[in-house]
Amino acid sequence: MLIKEVCRVCDLTKKAVEYYEQQGFIKPQVLDNSYRDYTDAEIATLKEISVLRKCGIGIQDIHIILSSNDKSVALARYKHLNELKMQKLKAAQNCIDVLIKNYDIENSFHRLQQLDEECLTVQEKLVLAFPGNYGLYLSLHFGRFLREPIKTEEQRAAYNKIVDYLDNAASLIPDELSAFMEEAIQLNENVNMEKYEDAMNLLLEEAIRDPDAYFRNLKVEEYIAYRTSAEFRQSPQGKMTDLMLEFQKNSGYHDVFLPNLMILSPAYKTYCERLESANSAFVEKYPQAGAIYGIE
């Protein structure tokens, strides 16, 4: 089926169909005349996406639902998280009503503390606890693994250790690295950060899922040569990379932060295992890339 008919059958615009292809939901066959031919299975997927989008579900969550072995369970998880957000919003609105009637900060402080404990996701807690550059950095890099509230005592203990680490680590960030983070934030101040975060994580997920396909259209040898060159090390990106690696080494990032993050988020632990496997496969195929990952 050609795209014009697909748009009619699925009640989608051409731009929407093209976007869902870019997101990797469908892979239509490209005919000799450059037209795309969509299968019945791809039509079904597009209808599925259309239904989920009309339910207000975002693209990243749709990826999770469609790739799940049990879509009903995945959708139930999304509903639960959405209910927590609505509960948090309702409680916040009630607090505002109380403040309007009686501007009692002490009472509202304790009410909102309880709300934080019950409803805030770990991501929200970290960004609120560390509102500067580093908090946003953490949100962008780890946010998709931290979109649920703390549920167990083990997770709460891991979270407290992470907060202790961050309290000390934030003061160890070099001024140059902090300025670089601030500049990046300013450049993206008009960007929907959640969408940006999801887009970046989607690229990482594609690279982990199928490294060969991800690098197929890239000039890998040239990329490796540049990343290991003096030119890269002397570039702003190279200098910031070195500063970040040095900061992580000296701050306990690998010894404290990451192990506790794995306790806090089993999904992150699974992701790390897959990432390590993908990196190993990449280095095995391109041994010269070992320097990028610190492998001699």
Foldseek 3Di string as FASTA:
>chain_A
DFPVVLCVLLVHDSVVLVVCVVLVQDDFDQDPVRTGDGDPVSSVSSNVVVVCVVVVDDPLLSVVLVPDPDNVVSVVVVVVLVVLVVVLVVLVVVLVVVCVVPVDVVVSVVSVVVNCQPRAWLLRVQCVLPVALVSLVCCLVCVVQTSGHFDDPLLVVLSVLQSVLCVVLVVVQDPLLSVVSVVVCVVCVVPPSVVVSSVVVSLVVVCLVDVCVSCVPPPVVVVLCCLPDPVLCPDPNNVSVVSVVVSCVPSCVVPRVVVSSCSNGVVVVVVVVSSVVSVVVVCVVVVSSCVVVPHD
